[in-house]
């Protein structure tokens, strides 16, 4: 009789775990992982400032390139006294 009750309790607990708690456990485990992954993609304010400074520096370099190109074109147009 004890063996039958033990088997019945084991079966009931297994059924409970399989049906009731499995979804909750998966949601808890994966939900925590999803939150960690989302945190990895968040950008820190310091990185945002650095990115903005780099963007401005790149823009200045492009403008400087255009100015230097115009100066070189003007120098190339000056006739050389031969």
PDB file of N, CA and C in Angstrom:
ATOM      1  N   UNK A   1       0.817  -1.193   0.000  1.00  0.00           N
ATOM      2  CA  UNK A   1       0.000   0.000   0.000  1.00  0.00           C
ATOM      3  C   UNK A   1       0.860   1.257   0.000  1.00  0.00           C
ATOM      4  N   UNK A   2       1.979   1.215   0.745  1.00  0.00           N
ATOM      5  CA  UNK A   2       2.873   2.368   0.806  1.00  0.00           C
ATOM      6  C   UNK A   2       3.492   2.632  -0.559  1.00  0.00           C
ATOM      7  N   UNK A   3       3.856   1.577  -1.254  1.00  0.00           N
ATOM      8  CA  UNK A   3       4.457   1.735  -2.580  1.00  0.00           C
ATOM      9  C   UNK A   3       3.473   2.378  -3.560  1.00  0.00           C
ATOM     10  N   UNK A   4       2.213   1.992  -3.467  1.00  0.00           N
ATOM     11  CA  UNK A   4       1.208   2.554  -4.367  1.00  0.00           C
ATOM     12  C   UNK A   4       1.026   4.048  -4.077  1.00  0.00           C
ATOM     13  N   UNK A   5       0.979   4.426  -2.808  1.00  0.00           N
ATOM     14  CA  UNK A   5       0.828   5.837  -2.435  1.00  0.00           C
ATOM     15  C   UNK A   5       2.058   6.646  -2.876  1.00  0.00           C
ATOM     16  N   UNK A   6       3.236   6.066  -2.709  1.00  0.00           N
ATOM     17  CA  UNK A   6       4.468   6.743  -3.123  1.00  0.00           C
ATOM     18  C   UNK A   6       4.468   6.961  -4.633  1.00  0.00           C
ATOM     19  N   UNK A   7       4.112   5.952  -5.380  1.00  0.00           N
ATOM     20  CA  UNK A   7       4.055   6.085  -6.832  1.00  0.00           C
ATOM     21  C   UNK A   7       2.999   7.106  -7.251  1.00  0.00           C
ATOM     22  N   UNK A   8       1.891   7.123  -6.562  1.00  0.00           N
ATOM     23  CA  UNK A   8       0.836   8.079  -6.874  1.00  0.00           C
ATOM     24  C   UNK A   8       1.301   9.516  -6.610  1.00  0.00           C
ATOM     25  N   UNK A   9       1.978   9.718  -5.483  1.00  0.00           N
ATOM     26  CA  UNK A   9       2.503  11.061  -5.157  1.00  0.00           C
ATOM     27  C   UNK A   9       3.555  11.465  -6.183  1.00  0.00           C
ATOM     28  N   UNK A  10       4.466  10.552  -6.539  1.00  0.00           N
ATOM     29  CA  UNK A  10       5.486  10.864  -7.559  1.00  0.00           C
ATOM     30  C   UNK A  10       4.833  11.240  -8.877  1.00  0.00           C
ATOM     31  N   UNK A  11       3.812  10.472  -9.271  1.00  0.00           N
ATOM     32  CA  UNK A  11       3.107  10.763 -10.518  1.00  0.00           C
ATOM     33  C   UNK A  11       2.424  12.131 -10.452  1.00  0.00           C
ATOM     34  N   UNK A  12       1.784  12.432  -9.338  1.00  0.00           N
ATOM     35  CA  UNK A  12       1.081  13.708  -9.187  1.00  0.00           C
ATOM     36  C   UNK A  12       2.073  14.875  -9.230  1.00  0.00           C
ATOM     37  N   UNK A  13       3.213  14.732  -8.576  1.00  0.00           N
ATOM     38  CA  UNK A  13       4.225  15.799  -8.571  1.00  0.00           C
ATOM     39  C   UNK A  13       4.811  15.972  -9.968  1.00  0.00           C
ATOM     40  N   UNK A  14       5.095  14.878 -10.651  1.00  0.00           N
ATOM     41  CA  UNK A  14       5.645  14.971 -12.013  1.00  0.00           C
ATOM     42  C   UNK A  14       4.646  15.650 -12.945  1.00  0.00           C
ATOM     43  N   UNK A  15       3.374  15.259 -12.837  1.00  0.00           N
ATOM     44  CA  UNK A  15       2.335  15.859 -13.666  1.00  0.00           C
ATOM     45  C   UNK A  15       2.212  17.346 -13.369  1.00  0.00           C
ATOM     46  N   UNK A  16       2.273  17.709 -12.104  1.00  0.00           N
ATOM     47  CA  UNK A  16       2.205  19.110 -11.702  1.00  0.00           C
ATOM     48  C   UNK A  16       3.380  19.887 -12.284  1.00  0.00           C
ATOM     49  N   UNK A  17       4.581  19.324 -12.188  1.00  0.00           N
ATOM     50  CA  UNK A  17       5.775  19.991 -12.728  1.00  0.00           C
ATOM     51  C   UNK A  17       5.677  20.134 -14.240  1.00  0.00           C
ATOM     52  N   UNK A  18       5.271  19.065 -14.914  1.00  0.00           N
ATOM     53  CA  UNK A  18       5.199  19.096 -16.367  1.00  0.00           C
ATOM     54  C   UNK A  18       4.143  20.078 -16.868  1.00  0.00           C
ATOM     55  N   UNK A  19       2.993  20.083 -16.247  1.00  0.00           N
ATOM     56  CA  UNK A  19       1.874  20.874 -16.756  1.00  0.00           C
ATOM     57  C   UNK A  19       1.822  22.289 -16.199  1.00  0.00           C
ATOM     58  N   UNK A  20       2.058  22.440 -14.929  1.00  0.00           N
ATOM     59  CA  UNK A  20       1.816  23.725 -14.273  1.00  0.00           C
ATOM     60  C   UNK A  20       3.057  24.606 -14.224  1.00  0.00           C
ATOM     61  N   UNK A  21       4.167  24.028 -13.795  1.00  0.00           N
ATOM     62  CA  UNK A  21       5.336  24.848 -13.514  1.00  0.00           C
ATOM     63  C   UNK A  21       6.293  24.996 -14.689  1.00  0.00           C
ATOM     64  N   UNK A  22       6.202  24.138 -15.664  1.00  0.00           N
ATOM     65  CA  UNK A  22       7.148  24.180 -16.775  1.00  0.00           C
ATOM     66  C   UNK A  22       7.119  25.533 -17.486  1.00  0.00           C
ATOM     67  N   UNK A  23       5.942  26.020 -17.804  1.00  0.00           N
ATOM     68  CA  UNK A  23       5.837  27.310 -18.483  1.00  0.00           C
ATOM     69  C   UNK A  23       6.373  28.439 -17.616  1.00  0.00           C
ATOM     70  N   UNK A  24       6.062  28.397 -16.335  1.00  0.00           N
ATOM     71  CA  UNK A  24       6.536  29.444 -15.436  1.00  0.00           C
ATOM     72  C   UNK A  24       8.051  29.419 -15.296  1.00  0.00           C
ATOM     73  N   UNK A  25       8.618  28.233 -15.211  1.00  0.00           N
ATOM     74  CA  UNK A  25      10.072  28.108 -15.085  1.00  0.00           C
ATOM     75  C   UNK A  25      10.753  28.610 -16.359  1.00  0.00           C
ATOM     76  N   UNK A  26      10.241  28.212 -17.498  1.00  0.00           N
ATOM     77  CA  UNK A  26      10.821  28.657 -18.772  1.00  0.00           C
ATOM     78  C   UNK A  26      10.722  30.174 -18.891  1.00  0.00           C
ATOM     79  N   UNK A  27       9.565  30.748 -18.562  1.00  0.00           N
ATOM     80  CA  UNK A  27       9.405  32.206 -18.625  1.00  0.00           C
ATOM     81  C   UNK A  27      10.374  32.910 -17.688  1.00  0.00           C
ATOM     82  N   UNK A  28      10.556  32.353 -16.517  1.00  0.00           N
ATOM     83  CA  UNK A  28      11.465  32.972 -15.545  1.00  0.00           C
ATOM     84  C   UNK A  28      12.903  32.921 -16.033  1.00  0.00           C
ATOM     85  N   UNK A  29      13.305  31.754 -16.520  1.00  0.00           N
ATOM     86  CA  UNK A  29      14.690  31.605 -16.988  1.00  0.00           C
ATOM     87  C   UNK A  29      14.937  32.461 -18.221  1.00  0.00           C
ATOM     88  N   UNK A  30      14.078  32.333 -19.226  1.00  0.00           N
ATOM     89  CA  UNK A  30      14.277  33.090 -20.464  1.00  0.00           C
ATOM     90  C   UNK A  30      13.964  34.560 -20.272  1.00  0.00           C
ATOM     91  N   UNK A  31      13.017  34.869 -19.404  1.00  0.00           N
ATOM     92  CA  UNK A  31      12.701  36.274 -19.146  1.00  0.00           C
ATOM     93  C   UNK A  31      13.891  37.002 -18.563  1.00  0.00           C
ATOM     94  N   UNK A  32      14.590  36.366 -17.649  1.00  0.00           N
ATOM     95  CA  UNK A  32      15.795  36.962 -17.081  1.00  0.00           C
ATOM     96  C   UNK A  32      16.876  37.130 -18.129  1.00  0.00           C
ATOM     97  N   UNK A  33      17.008  36.145 -19.006  1.00  0.00           N
ATOM     98  CA  UNK A  33      18.011  36.235 -20.074  1.00  0.00           C
ATOM     99  C   UNK A  33      17.644  37.348 -21.043  1.00  0.00           C
ATOM    100  N   UNK A  34      16.351  37.493 -21.353  1.00  0.00           N
ATOM    101  CA  UNK A  34      15.936  38.561 -22.265  1.00  0.00           C
ATOM    102  C   UNK A  34      16.270  39.920 -21.668  1.00  0.00           C
ATOM    103  N   UNK A  35      16.036  40.088 -20.382  1.00  0.00           N
ATOM    104  CA  UNK A  35      16.348  41.361 -19.742  1.00  0.00           C
ATOM    105  C   UNK A  35      17.836  41.655 -19.795  1.00  0.00           C
ATOM    106  N   UNK A  36      18.668  40.626 -19.584  1.00  0.00           N
ATOM    107  CA  UNK A  36      20.111  40.817 -19.646  1.00  0.00           C
ATOM    108  C   UNK A  36      20.546  41.196 -21.051  1.00  0.00           C
ATOM    109  N   UNK A  37      19.977  40.558 -22.055  1.00  0.00           N
ATOM    110  CA  UNK A  37      20.328  40.866 -23.441  1.00  0.00           C
ATOM    111  C   UNK A  37      19.908  42.289 -23.777  1.00  0.00           C
ATOM    112  N   UNK A  38      18.723  42.692 -23.354  1.00  0.00           N
ATOM    113  CA  UNK A  38      18.273  44.059 -23.611  1.00  0.00           C
ATOM    114  C   UNK A  38      19.200  45.062 -22.933  1.00  0.00           C
ATOM    115  N   UNK A  39      19.661  44.744 -21.744  1.00  0.00           N
ATOM    116  CA  UNK A  39      20.590  45.641 -21.039  1.00  0.00           C
ATOM    117  C   UNK A  39      21.908  45.765 -21.798  1.00  0.00           C
ATOM    118  N   UNK A  40      22.328  44.663 -22.443  1.00  0.00           N
ATOM    119  CA  UNK A  40      23.577  44.709 -23.201  1.00  0.00           C
ATOM    120  C   UNK A  40      23.486  45.690 -24.363  1.00  0.00           C
ATOM    121  N   UNK A  41      22.297  45.860 -24.935  1.00  0.00           N
ATOM    122  CA  UNK A  41      22.142  46.736 -26.087  1.00  0.00           C
ATOM    123  C   UNK A  41      21.864  48.183 -25.700  1.00  0.00           C
ATOM    124  N   UNK A  42      21.637  48.454 -24.415  1.00  0.00           N
ATOM    125  CA  UNK A  42      21.448  49.831 -23.985  1.00  0.00           C
ATOM    126  C   UNK A  42      22.785  50.557 -24.051  1.00  0.00           C
ATOM    127  N   UNK A  43      22.731  51.806 -24.457  1.00  0.00           N
ATOM    128  CA  UNK A  43      23.958  52.574 -24.594  1.00  0.00           C
ATOM    129  C   UNK A  43      24.108  53.497 -23.393  1.00  0.00           C
ATOM    130  N   UNK A  44      25.298  53.498 -22.821  1.00  0.00           N
ATOM    131  CA  UNK A  44      25.568  54.352 -21.677  1.00  0.00           C
ATOM    132  C   UNK A  44      25.672  55.805 -22.136  1.00  0.00           C
ATOM    133  N   UNK A  45      25.316  56.759 -21.283  1.00  0.00           N
ATOM    134  CA  UNK A  45      25.409  58.184 -21.657  1.00  0.00           C
ATOM    135  C   UNK A  45      26.822  58.590 -22.067  1.00  0.00           C
ATOM    136  N   UNK A  46      27.832  58.032 -21.414  1.00  0.00           N
ATOM    137  CA  UNK A  46      29.209  58.378 -21.780  1.00  0.00           C
ATOM    138  C   UNK A  46      29.514  57.941 -23.214  1.00  0.00           C
ATOM    139  N   UNK A  47      29.023  56.774 -23.603  1.00  0.00           N
ATOM    140  CA  UNK A  47      29.236  56.321 -24.987  1.00  0.00           C
ATOM    141  C   UNK A  47      28.471  57.191 -25.969  1.00  0.00           C
ATOM    142  N   UNK A  48      27.300  57.644 -25.574  1.00  0.00           N
ATOM    143  CA  UNK A  48      26.515  58.523 -26.444  1.00  0.00           C
ATOM    144  C   UNK A  48      27.275  59.819 -26.683  1.00  0.00           C
ATOM    145  N   UNK A  49      27.850  60.379 -25.615  1.00  0.00           N
ATOM    146  CA  UNK A  49      28.635  61.621 -25.762  1.00  0.00           C
ATOM    147  C   UNK A  49      29.857  61.395 -26.647  1.00  0.00           C
ATOM    148  N   UNK A  50      30.553  60.282 -26.445  1.00  0.00           N
ATOM    149  CA  UNK A  50      31.728  59.974 -27.276  1.00  0.00           C
ATOM    150  C   UNK A  50      31.324  59.812 -28.738  1.00  0.00           C
ATOM    151  N   UNK A  51      30.211  59.126 -28.962  1.00  0.00           N
ATOM    152  CA  UNK A  51      29.738  58.933 -30.336  1.00  0.00           C
ATOM    153  C   UNK A  51      29.415  60.269 -30.989  1.00  0.00           C
ATOM    154  N   UNK A  52      28.803  61.172 -30.241  1.00  0.00           N
ATOM    155  CA  UNK A  52      28.468  62.501 -30.770  1.00  0.00           C
ATOM    156  C   UNK A  52      29.738  63.302 -31.073  1.00  0.00           C
ATOM    157  N   UNK A  53      30.719  63.225 -30.179  1.00  0.00           N
ATOM    158  CA  UNK A  53      31.995  63.922 -30.443  1.00  0.00           C
ATOM    159  C   UNK A  53      32.672  63.365 -31.688  1.00  0.00           C
ATOM    160  N   UNK A  54      32.664  62.046 -31.834  1.00  0.00           N
ATOM    161  CA  UNK A  54      33.270  61.439 -33.028  1.00  0.00           C
ATOM    162  C   UNK A  54      32.537  61.866 -34.294  1.00  0.00           C
ATOM    163  N   UNK A  55      31.207  61.912 -34.224  1.00  0.00           N
ATOM    164  CA  UNK A  55      30.426  62.336 -35.384  1.00  0.00           C
ATOM    165  C   UNK A  55      30.788  63.766 -35.774  1.00  0.00           C
ATOM    166  N   UNK A  56      30.924  64.650 -34.781  1.00  0.00           N
ATOM    167  CA  UNK A  56      31.294  66.035 -35.062  1.00  0.00           C
ATOM    168  C   UNK A  56      32.706  66.120 -35.624  1.00  0.00           C
ATOM    169  N   UNK A  57      33.624  65.324 -35.088  1.00  0.00           N
ATOM    170  CA  UNK A  57      35.001  65.325 -35.600  1.00  0.00           C
ATOM    171  C   UNK A  57      35.051  64.857 -37.044  1.00  0.00           C
ATOM    172  N   UNK A  58      34.292  63.832 -37.356  1.00  0.00           N
ATOM    173  CA  UNK A  58      34.247  63.328 -38.740  1.00  0.00           C
ATOM    174  C   UNK A  58      33.691  64.399 -39.664  1.00  0.00           C
ATOM    175  N   UNK A  59      32.651  65.107 -39.217  1.00  0.00           N
ATOM    176  CA  UNK A  59      32.071  66.177 -40.025  1.00  0.00           C
ATOM    177  C   UNK A  59      33.101  67.281 -40.273  1.00  0.00           C
ATOM    178  N   UNK A  60      33.856  67.661 -39.240  1.00  0.00           N
ATOM    179  CA  UNK A  60      34.899  68.687 -39.399  1.00  0.00           C
ATOM    180  C   UNK A  60      35.971  68.223 -40.372  1.00  0.00           C
ATOM    181  N   UNK A  61      36.358  66.949 -40.270  1.00  0.00           N
ATOM    182  CA  UNK A  61      37.375  66.432 -41.188  1.00  0.00           C
ATOM    183  C   UNK A  61      36.889  66.457 -42.634  1.00  0.00           C
ATOM    184  N   UNK A  62      35.630  66.137 -42.855  1.00  0.00           N
ATOM    185  CA  UNK A  62      35.081  66.193 -44.216  1.00  0.00           C
ATOM    186  C   UNK A  62      35.076  67.621 -44.737  1.00  0.00           C
ATOM    187  N   UNK A  63      34.690  68.565 -43.878  1.00  0.00           N
ATOM    188  CA  UNK A  63      34.696  69.978 -44.294  1.00  0.00           C
ATOM    189  C   UNK A  63      36.118  70.441 -44.582  1.00  0.00           C
ATOM    190  N   UNK A  64      37.064  70.030 -43.739  1.00  0.00           N
ATOM    191  CA  UNK A  64      38.467  70.399 -43.949  1.00  0.00           C
ATOM    192  C   UNK A  64      38.998  69.830 -45.253  1.00  0.00           C
ATOM    193  N   UNK A  65      38.592  68.619 -45.571  1.00  0.00           N
ATOM    194  CA  UNK A  65      39.020  67.986 -46.819  1.00  0.00           C
ATOM    195  C   UNK A  65      38.551  68.812 -48.013  1.00  0.00           C
ATOM    196  N   UNK A  66      37.312  69.277 -47.966  1.00  0.00           N
ATOM    197  CA  UNK A  66      36.786  70.098 -49.054  1.00  0.00           C
ATOM    198  C   UNK A  66      37.549  71.417 -49.166  1.00  0.00           C
ATOM    199  N   UNK A  67      37.839  72.055 -48.034  1.00  0.00           N
ATOM    200  CA  UNK A  67      38.562  73.333 -48.051  1.00  0.00           C
ATOM    201  C   UNK A  67      39.965  73.139 -48.599  1.00  0.00           C
ATOM    202  N   UNK A  68      40.647  72.091 -48.133  1.00  0.00           N
ATOM    203  CA  UNK A  68      42.006  71.828 -48.622  1.00  0.00           C
ATOM    204  C   UNK A  68      41.980  71.516 -50.113  1.00  0.00           C
ATOM    205  N   UNK A  69      40.974  70.779 -50.565  1.00  0.00           N
ATOM    206  CA  UNK A  69      40.847  70.478 -51.996  1.00  0.00           C
ATOM    207  C   UNK A  69      40.683  71.741 -52.820  1.00  0.00           C
ATOM    208  N   UNK A  70      39.892  72.695 -52.341  1.00  0.00           N
ATOM    209  CA  UNK A  70      39.697  73.957 -53.055  1.00  0.00           C
ATOM    210  C   UNK A  70      40.991  74.758 -53.096  1.00  0.00           C
ATOM    211  N   UNK A  71      41.734  74.769 -51.992  1.00  0.00           N
ATOM    212  CA  UNK A  71      43.013  75.497 -51.957  1.00  0.00           C
ATOM    213  C   UNK A  71      43.994  74.875 -52.940  1.00  0.00           C
ATOM    214  N   UNK A  72      44.065  73.555 -52.984  1.00  0.00           N
ATOM    215  CA  UNK A  72      44.975  72.882 -53.913  1.00  0.00           C
ATOM    216  C   UNK A  72      44.572  73.176 -55.348  1.00  0.00           C
ATOM    217  N   UNK A  73      43.257  73.208 -55.641  1.00  0.00           N
ATOM    218  CA  UNK A  73      42.798  73.546 -56.989  1.00  0.00           C
ATOM    219  C   UNK A  73      43.237  74.956 -57.371  1.00  0.00           C
ATOM    220  N   UNK A  74      43.129  75.908 -56.439  1.00  0.00           N
ATOM    221  CA  UNK A  74      43.557  77.280 -56.720  1.00  0.00           C
ATOM    222  C   UNK A  74      45.060  77.353 -56.955  1.00  0.00           C
ATOM    223  N   UNK A  75      45.816  76.589 -56.162  1.00  0.00           N
ATOM    224  CA  UNK A  75      47.274  76.590 -56.339  1.00  0.00           C
ATOM    225  C   UNK A  75      47.634  75.988 -57.688  1.00  0.00           C
ATOM    226  N   UNK A  76      46.930  74.963 -58.099  1.00  0.00           N
ATOM    227  CA  UNK A  76      47.215  74.309 -59.383  1.00  0.00           C
ATOM    228  C   UNK A  76      46.858  75.206 -60.567  1.00  0.00           C
ATOM    229  N   UNK A  77      45.954  76.148 -60.395  1.00  0.00           N
ATOM    230  CA  UNK A  77      45.571  77.038 -61.479  1.00  0.00           C
ATOM    231  C   UNK A  77      46.552  78.190 -61.681  1.00  0.00           C
ATOM    232  N   UNK A  78      47.391  78.443 -60.682  1.00  0.00           N
ATOM    233  CA  UNK A  78      48.355  79.537 -60.793  1.00  0.00           C
ATOM    234  C   UNK A  78      49.394  79.135 -61.844  1.00  0.00           C
ATOM    235  N   UNK A  79      49.559  79.983 -62.879  1.00  0.00           N
ATOM    236  CA  UNK A  79      50.553  79.635 -63.912  1.00  0.00           C
ATOM    237  C   UNK A  79      51.969  79.773 -63.349  1.00  0.00           C
ATOM    238  N   UNK A  80      52.810  78.865 -63.743  1.00  0.00           N
ATOM    239  CA  UNK A  80      54.201  78.899 -63.321  1.00  0.00           C
ATOM    240  C   UNK A  80      54.983  79.752 -64.301  1.00  0.00           C
ATOM    241  N   UNK A  81      55.842  80.598 -63.778  1.00  0.00           N
ATOM    242  CA  UNK A  81      56.706  81.428 -64.638  1.00  0.00           C
ATOM    243  C   UNK A  81      57.875  80.568 -65.106  1.00  0.00           C
ATOM    244  N   UNK A  82      57.863  80.332 -66.369  1.00  0.00           N
ATOM    245  CA  UNK A  82      58.923  79.493 -66.894  1.00  0.00           C
ATOM    246  C   UNK A  82      59.951  80.279 -67.611  1.00  0.00           C
TER     247      UNK A  82
END
